[in-house]
Amino acid sequence: MKLAIQIPAYNEEEHLPAVLAELPRQLPGIDQIIIVVVDDGSTDETARAALEHGADYVLQHRQNRGLSKAFVDGMQFCLALGADIIVNTDADNQYPGSQIGSLIEPLLHGRADLVIGDRQTLENKHFSPFKRAMEHLGSGVARRVSSTNVPDTVSGFRAFSRYAALRLQVYNPYSYTLETLIQAGKGSMKIECVPIETNPATRQSRLHKGVLNFIWKQSGAIIRSYVLYQPLRTFLSIGGILFLAGAILLGRFLFYYIFLDQASRFIQSVSIGGTLLVSGITLIMFGFLGDAIRANRQISEETMIRQRDEARILNLENLNEYLGHPVYSKYNPFRS
């Protein structure tokens, strides 16, 4: 049983040593632990600090590509290394590495495909009252959209089984947390949550400029992800409302035209109702087209899953690049 711990990092030279020092090197039920740092185009010595303080591999982006891309590349790299379980944690030392054992326990016993660390947002002493309320409210919306019961939907402290990791694909360039949760929920994966304690914040978040900005960006991620995975329901619902409104307006005009000979008073119903009717029909057609594209994407994803599962790296000593990105390790040390 091989465990890979991946850490997306951007300019985290200062905090990485503390994060790496707290990661476990041995765990019950685990034969091998591999630590992978994804250096997302850092301008400081993040890669060197990672290797000097215990990382087994550093996958380095030549320029900053964003958290989602760093997360996906790290997941694919860990899968290629043959990982059976992949834990994702942050490089800013928010999540204590000592709790990884509790996080992976449901996976070791086969009870879950995905385990999420619950920061207990309503009681977290490191969150402001406003942040607690917004995190709780946002998680409620995300639970409904994803058809899950996860209390902390944006927690980045997560453990994936190989089955779950093979099937994850992130399209949102901003963040991976909500999209992967929606995908897991719609994919009928078994999800468990483990209460965790968090460390005090070491710096301001680089993902957003405050809670309201975070809500705005995550709202866009929720809408985009829902439309991506439920196109027929989305467009059928909106199109059906517009179609019904247009039919009512046209029906009113026809009623007065046929029975009361007062059609001139409601001539505007023809233009407005006709526009709504056509718009509704168009959106319904988009829904069926989107559903066909979704079915085709599922077929492509099955091919992608097989390719990912088969693309295990056999000769690690000679590994210098993966997916076009430099890779550093004890076999290939970092050089400035």
Protein backbone atom coordinates (compact mmCIF):
# COMPACT_ATOMS: atom_id res chain seq x y z
CA MET A 1 0.00 0.00 0.00
CA LYS A 2 1.65 3.21 -1.22
CA LEU A 3 0.63 6.65 0.10
CA ALA A 4 1.55 9.82 -1.82
CA ILE A 5 1.27 13.19 -0.09
CA GLN A 6 1.12 16.05 -2.57
CA ILE A 7 1.60 19.72 -1.74
CA PRO A 8 0.87 22.41 -4.36
CA ALA A 9 3.17 25.34 -3.56
CA TYR A 10 3.80 28.82 -4.88
CA ASN A 11 6.54 30.91 -3.25
CA GLU A 12 6.38 28.85 -0.05
CA GLU A 13 10.11 28.66 0.74
CA GLU A 14 9.41 30.09 4.20
CA HIS A 15 6.59 27.73 5.23
CA LEU A 16 7.49 24.44 3.49
CA PRO A 17 10.09 23.31 6.05
CA ALA A 18 7.49 23.39 8.85
CA VAL A 19 4.92 21.60 6.67
CA LEU A 20 7.35 18.85 5.63
CA ALA A 21 8.67 18.38 9.17
CA GLU A 22 5.18 17.52 10.41
CA LEU A 23 4.35 14.96 7.72
CA PRO A 24 4.41 11.31 8.88
CA ARG A 25 7.10 8.99 7.52
CA GLN A 26 5.40 5.80 8.73
CA LEU A 27 1.73 4.93 9.22
CA PRO A 28 -0.08 1.70 10.13
CA GLY A 29 -1.28 -0.11 7.01
CA ILE A 30 1.04 1.87 4.72
CA ASP A 31 4.15 0.26 3.23
CA GLN A 32 5.62 3.34 1.56
CA ILE A 33 5.08 7.09 1.86
CA ILE A 34 6.10 9.41 -0.98
CA ILE A 35 6.06 13.20 -0.63
CA VAL A 36 5.55 15.25 -3.81
CA VAL A 37 5.74 19.04 -3.95
CA VAL A 38 4.28 20.77 -7.02
CA ASP A 39 6.22 24.00 -7.46
CA ASP A 40 3.81 26.21 -9.40
CA GLY A 41 6.35 28.51 -11.03
CA SER A 42 7.74 29.95 -7.78
CA THR A 43 10.18 32.85 -7.98
CA ASP A 44 11.86 31.96 -4.67
CA GLU A 45 13.72 28.80 -3.57
CA THR A 46 10.60 26.66 -3.05
CA ALA A 47 11.98 23.69 -5.01
CA ARG A 48 15.31 23.70 -3.18
CA ALA A 49 13.64 24.04 0.22
CA ALA A 50 11.31 21.13 -0.59
CA LEU A 51 14.14 18.74 -1.47
CA GLU A 52 16.35 19.85 1.42
CA HIS A 53 13.58 19.26 3.98
CA GLY A 54 12.33 15.85 2.94
CA ALA A 55 10.31 15.95 -0.29
CA ASP A 56 10.94 12.90 -2.47
CA TYR A 57 9.95 14.62 -5.71
CA VAL A 58 9.40 18.19 -6.90
CA LEU A 59 7.30 18.64 -10.04
CA GLN A 60 8.05 22.15 -11.24
CA HIS A 61 5.96 24.39 -13.49
CA ARG A 62 8.09 26.80 -15.50
CA GLN A 63 5.59 29.58 -14.77
CA ASN A 64 2.66 30.05 -12.42
CA ARG A 65 -0.39 28.17 -13.77
CA GLY A 66 -2.76 28.38 -10.81
CA LEU A 67 -3.83 26.11 -7.97
CA SER A 68 -6.17 23.92 -10.04
CA LYS A 69 -3.49 23.05 -12.59
CA ALA A 70 -0.93 22.37 -9.85
CA PHE A 71 -3.42 20.09 -8.10
CA VAL A 72 -4.27 18.11 -11.27
CA ASP A 73 -0.63 17.73 -12.35
CA GLY A 74 0.28 16.57 -8.86
CA MET A 75 -2.52 14.01 -8.84
CA GLN A 76 -1.47 12.62 -12.22
CA PHE A 77 2.15 12.44 -11.13
CA CYS A 78 1.24 10.60 -7.92
CA LEU A 79 -0.86 8.15 -9.91
CA ALA A 80 2.06 7.56 -12.27
CA LEU A 81 4.22 6.82 -9.22
CA GLY A 82 1.77 4.01 -8.40
CA ALA A 83 0.06 5.61 -5.41
CA ASP A 84 -2.88 3.70 -3.90
CA ILE A 85 -3.91 6.68 -1.74
CA ILE A 86 -3.21 10.36 -2.44
CA VAL A 87 -3.44 13.03 0.26
CA ASN A 88 -3.58 16.68 -0.74
CA THR A 89 -2.54 19.32 1.78
CA ASP A 90 -1.61 23.01 1.64
CA ALA A 91 1.87 24.51 1.71
CA ASP A 92 0.93 27.32 4.11
CA ASN A 93 0.79 24.93 7.12
CA GLN A 94 -2.97 25.34 7.66
CA TYR A 95 -3.52 21.57 8.00
CA PRO A 96 -1.48 19.62 10.59
CA GLY A 97 0.33 16.73 8.95
CA SER A 98 -0.06 14.73 12.14
CA GLN A 99 -3.74 14.20 11.26
CA ILE A 100 -3.07 12.40 7.96
CA GLY A 101 -3.36 9.05 9.72
CA SER A 102 -6.95 9.85 10.75
CA LEU A 103 -7.71 11.22 7.29
CA ILE A 104 -6.77 8.04 5.42
CA GLU A 105 -8.31 5.60 7.92
CA PRO A 106 -11.67 5.32 6.05
CA LEU A 107 -9.77 4.56 2.82
CA LEU A 108 -7.64 1.87 4.44
CA HIS A 109 -10.78 0.11 5.65
CA GLY A 110 -12.55 0.45 2.29
CA ARG A 111 -15.36 2.65 3.64
CA ALA A 112 -14.83 5.60 1.30
CA ASP A 113 -13.46 6.78 -2.03
CA LEU A 114 -12.85 10.35 -0.87
CA VAL A 115 -12.22 11.69 2.65
CA ILE A 116 -12.39 15.41 3.43
CA GLY A 117 -10.97 17.06 6.52
CA ASP A 118 -13.71 19.05 8.26
CA ARG A 119 -12.27 22.26 9.74
CA GLN A 120 -15.44 22.63 11.86
CA THR A 121 -15.99 26.11 10.46
CA LEU A 122 -18.66 27.25 12.95
CA GLU A 123 -16.36 26.50 15.89
CA ASN A 124 -12.94 27.19 14.38
CA LYS A 125 -11.18 29.70 16.63
CA HIS A 126 -8.87 30.77 13.80
CA PHE A 127 -11.81 32.06 11.69
CA SER A 128 -13.51 35.40 12.18
CA PRO A 129 -17.28 35.34 12.93
CA PHE A 130 -18.04 36.66 9.45
CA LYS A 131 -15.87 33.99 7.80
CA ARG A 132 -17.51 31.28 9.91
CA ALA A 133 -20.98 32.37 8.78
CA MET A 134 -19.99 32.68 5.11
CA GLU A 135 -18.16 29.33 5.08
CA HIS A 136 -21.20 27.64 6.64
CA LEU A 137 -23.64 29.29 4.21
CA GLY A 138 -21.48 28.54 1.18
CA SER A 139 -21.03 24.91 2.19
CA GLY A 140 -24.82 24.58 2.47
CA VAL A 141 -25.25 25.73 -1.13
CA ALA A 142 -22.43 23.47 -2.34
CA ARG A 143 -23.93 20.46 -0.52
CA ARG A 144 -27.21 20.94 -2.31
CA VAL A 145 -25.59 21.35 -5.72
CA SER A 146 -23.23 18.37 -5.28
CA SER A 147 -25.84 16.07 -3.68
CA THR A 148 -23.50 15.38 -0.75
CA ASN A 149 -23.56 15.98 3.00
CA VAL A 150 -20.02 17.38 3.37
CA PRO A 151 -19.94 20.03 6.15
CA ASP A 152 -16.78 21.80 4.92
CA THR A 153 -16.94 21.77 1.13
CA VAL A 154 -13.89 23.98 0.42
CA SER A 155 -11.43 22.20 2.68
CA GLY A 156 -8.26 21.33 0.74
CA PHE A 157 -7.19 18.63 3.21
CA ARG A 158 -8.35 15.56 1.30
CA ALA A 159 -7.50 11.91 0.76
CA PHE A 160 -8.35 10.13 -2.49
CA SER A 161 -8.38 6.44 -3.23
CA ARG A 162 -6.76 5.44 -6.52
CA TYR A 163 -10.27 4.77 -7.87
CA ALA A 164 -11.37 8.33 -7.10
CA ALA A 165 -8.13 9.98 -8.22
CA LEU A 166 -8.21 8.28 -11.61
CA ARG A 167 -11.63 9.79 -12.32
CA LEU A 168 -11.03 13.36 -11.26
CA GLN A 169 -10.61 16.09 -13.84
CA VAL A 170 -10.72 19.82 -13.08
CA TYR A 171 -11.83 22.39 -15.66
CA ASN A 172 -12.14 25.42 -13.36
CA PRO A 173 -8.89 27.43 -13.42
CA TYR A 174 -9.56 29.03 -10.01
CA SER A 175 -9.85 26.15 -7.53
CA TYR A 176 -10.38 22.40 -7.46
CA THR A 177 -12.30 21.94 -4.19
CA LEU A 178 -15.90 22.44 -5.28
CA GLU A 179 -15.58 20.94 -8.75
CA THR A 180 -14.00 17.73 -7.47
CA LEU A 181 -16.71 17.51 -4.80
CA ILE A 182 -19.49 17.95 -7.37
CA GLN A 183 -17.85 15.40 -9.63
CA ALA A 184 -17.54 12.92 -6.75
CA GLY A 185 -21.17 13.47 -5.75
CA LYS A 186 -22.51 13.11 -9.29
CA GLY A 187 -20.24 10.08 -9.78
CA SER A 188 -21.85 8.34 -6.78
CA MET A 189 -18.55 8.06 -4.92
CA LYS A 190 -18.60 7.30 -1.21
CA ILE A 191 -17.50 10.39 0.72
CA GLU A 192 -16.60 10.59 4.41
CA CYS A 193 -15.54 13.54 6.56
CA VAL A 194 -13.07 13.59 9.44
CA PRO A 195 -13.05 16.46 11.98
CA ILE A 196 -9.64 18.16 12.10
CA GLU A 197 -7.96 21.01 13.94
CA THR A 198 -6.22 23.70 11.91
CA ASN A 199 -3.13 25.77 12.57
CA PRO A 200 -3.30 29.58 12.79
CA ALA A 201 -3.04 31.40 9.46
CA THR A 202 0.54 32.22 8.51
CA ARG A 203 -0.33 34.66 5.72
CA GLN A 204 -3.20 36.11 3.71
CA SER A 205 -4.75 33.83 1.12
CA ARG A 206 -3.38 34.20 -2.40
CA LEU A 207 -6.53 32.76 -3.96
CA HIS A 208 -8.82 35.67 -3.18
CA LYS A 209 -8.93 39.24 -1.86
CA GLY A 210 -11.27 38.71 1.07
CA VAL A 211 -14.34 36.65 1.88
CA LEU A 212 -16.67 38.42 -0.55
CA ASN A 213 -14.22 37.95 -3.41
CA PHE A 214 -13.92 34.30 -2.41
CA ILE A 215 -17.72 33.89 -2.47
CA TRP A 216 -17.93 35.55 -5.89
CA LYS A 217 -15.30 33.26 -7.40
CA GLN A 218 -16.65 30.11 -5.78
CA SER A 219 -20.19 30.95 -6.93
CA GLY A 220 -18.93 31.03 -10.49
CA ALA A 221 -17.21 27.69 -9.92
CA ILE A 222 -20.42 26.13 -8.57
CA ILE A 223 -22.54 27.37 -11.49
CA ARG A 224 -20.00 26.30 -14.09
CA SER A 225 -19.52 22.87 -12.53
CA TYR A 226 -23.26 22.25 -12.20
CA VAL A 227 -23.90 23.18 -15.82
CA LEU A 228 -20.98 20.98 -16.89
CA TYR A 229 -22.27 17.88 -15.10
CA GLN A 230 -26.04 18.54 -15.35
CA PRO A 231 -26.57 20.32 -18.71
CA LEU A 232 -29.96 18.77 -19.51
CA ARG A 233 -31.51 19.62 -16.15
CA THR A 234 -30.05 23.15 -16.20
CA PHE A 235 -31.17 24.19 -19.67
CA LEU A 236 -34.44 22.25 -19.50
CA SER A 237 -35.40 24.07 -16.29
CA ILE A 238 -34.56 27.56 -17.57
CA GLY A 239 -35.90 26.88 -21.04
CA GLY A 240 -39.10 25.39 -19.63
CA ILE A 241 -39.78 28.54 -17.57
CA LEU A 242 -39.25 30.81 -20.57
CA PHE A 243 -41.35 28.54 -22.79
CA LEU A 244 -44.21 28.54 -20.27
CA ALA A 245 -44.09 32.35 -19.86
CA GLY A 246 -44.14 32.83 -23.64
CA ALA A 247 -47.01 30.36 -24.06
CA ILE A 248 -49.08 32.21 -21.44
CA LEU A 249 -48.58 35.58 -23.15
CA LEU A 250 -49.42 34.18 -26.58
CA GLY A 251 -52.39 32.35 -25.11
CA ARG A 252 -53.71 35.58 -23.64
CA PHE A 253 -53.47 37.28 -27.01
CA LEU A 254 -55.25 34.42 -28.80
CA PHE A 255 -58.00 34.36 -26.18
CA TYR A 256 -58.81 38.05 -26.64
CA TYR A 257 -58.42 37.76 -30.41
CA ILE A 258 -60.77 34.79 -30.81
CA PHE A 259 -63.43 35.35 -28.15
CA LEU A 260 -63.47 39.07 -27.29
CA ASP A 261 -62.19 40.76 -30.43
CA GLN A 262 -59.86 42.95 -28.35
CA ALA A 263 -56.54 41.74 -29.72
CA SER A 264 -55.19 45.24 -30.37
CA ARG A 265 -54.89 45.86 -26.62
CA PHE A 266 -52.52 42.89 -26.21
CA ILE A 267 -50.45 43.09 -29.38
CA GLN A 268 -47.31 43.46 -27.25
CA SER A 269 -47.93 39.95 -25.92
CA VAL A 270 -47.17 38.59 -29.39
CA SER A 271 -43.67 40.07 -29.58
CA ILE A 272 -42.73 39.40 -25.94
CA GLY A 273 -44.37 35.98 -25.82
CA GLY A 274 -42.86 34.94 -29.15
CA THR A 275 -39.39 35.99 -28.00
CA LEU A 276 -39.74 34.03 -24.76
CA LEU A 277 -41.10 31.01 -26.61
CA VAL A 278 -38.22 30.93 -29.08
CA SER A 279 -35.69 31.49 -26.30
CA GLY A 280 -37.18 28.63 -24.30
CA ILE A 281 -37.09 26.24 -27.25
CA THR A 282 -33.48 27.26 -28.00
CA LEU A 283 -32.36 26.62 -24.41
CA ILE A 284 -34.12 23.25 -24.34
CA MET A 285 -32.28 22.30 -27.53
CA PHE A 286 -29.02 23.42 -25.88
CA GLY A 287 -29.87 21.11 -22.98
CA PHE A 288 -30.21 18.05 -25.22
CA LEU A 289 -27.07 19.01 -27.13
CA GLY A 290 -25.16 19.48 -23.85
CA ASP A 291 -26.38 16.10 -22.62
CA ALA A 292 -25.09 14.46 -25.79
CA ILE A 293 -21.71 16.18 -25.31
CA ARG A 294 -21.66 15.04 -21.68
CA ALA A 295 -22.23 11.43 -22.75
CA ASN A 296 -19.39 11.72 -25.27
CA ARG A 297 -17.16 13.24 -22.58
CA GLN A 298 -17.86 10.28 -20.30
CA ILE A 299 -16.65 7.91 -23.00
CA SER A 300 -13.48 9.99 -23.40
CA GLU A 301 -12.97 10.01 -19.63
CA GLU A 302 -13.09 6.21 -19.52
CA THR A 303 -10.24 6.16 -22.05
CA MET A 304 -8.37 8.76 -19.97
CA ILE A 305 -8.81 6.62 -16.82
CA ARG A 306 -7.28 3.57 -18.49
CA GLN A 307 -4.36 5.62 -19.83
CA ARG A 308 -3.70 7.16 -16.42
CA ASP A 309 -3.82 3.78 -14.73
CA GLU A 310 -1.39 2.26 -17.20
CA ALA A 311 1.05 5.21 -17.28
CA ARG A 312 3.10 4.13 -14.27
CA ILE A 313 6.66 5.37 -14.23
CA LEU A 314 8.99 2.36 -14.03
CA ASN A 315 12.45 3.89 -14.20
CA LEU A 316 12.35 6.65 -11.58
CA GLU A 317 16.12 7.09 -11.56
CA ASN A 318 16.04 8.39 -15.13
CA LEU A 319 12.91 10.51 -14.71
CA ASN A 320 13.75 14.13 -15.61
CA GLU A 321 10.41 15.40 -16.90
CA TYR A 322 6.76 14.49 -16.60
CA LEU A 323 4.02 16.03 -18.76
CA GLY A 324 6.58 18.55 -20.00
CA HIS A 325 7.52 19.79 -16.50
CA PRO A 326 10.94 19.35 -14.85
CA VAL A 327 11.09 16.78 -12.04
CA TYR A 328 13.67 16.89 -9.26
CA SER A 329 14.40 14.17 -6.72
CA LYS A 330 17.24 12.52 -4.84
CA TYR A 331 18.11 10.94 -8.21
CA ASN A 332 17.95 14.27 -10.00
CA PRO A 333 18.82 17.04 -7.51
CA PHE A 334 17.66 20.62 -7.95
CA ARG A 335 20.08 22.97 -9.68
CA SER A 336 19.63 26.72 -9.93
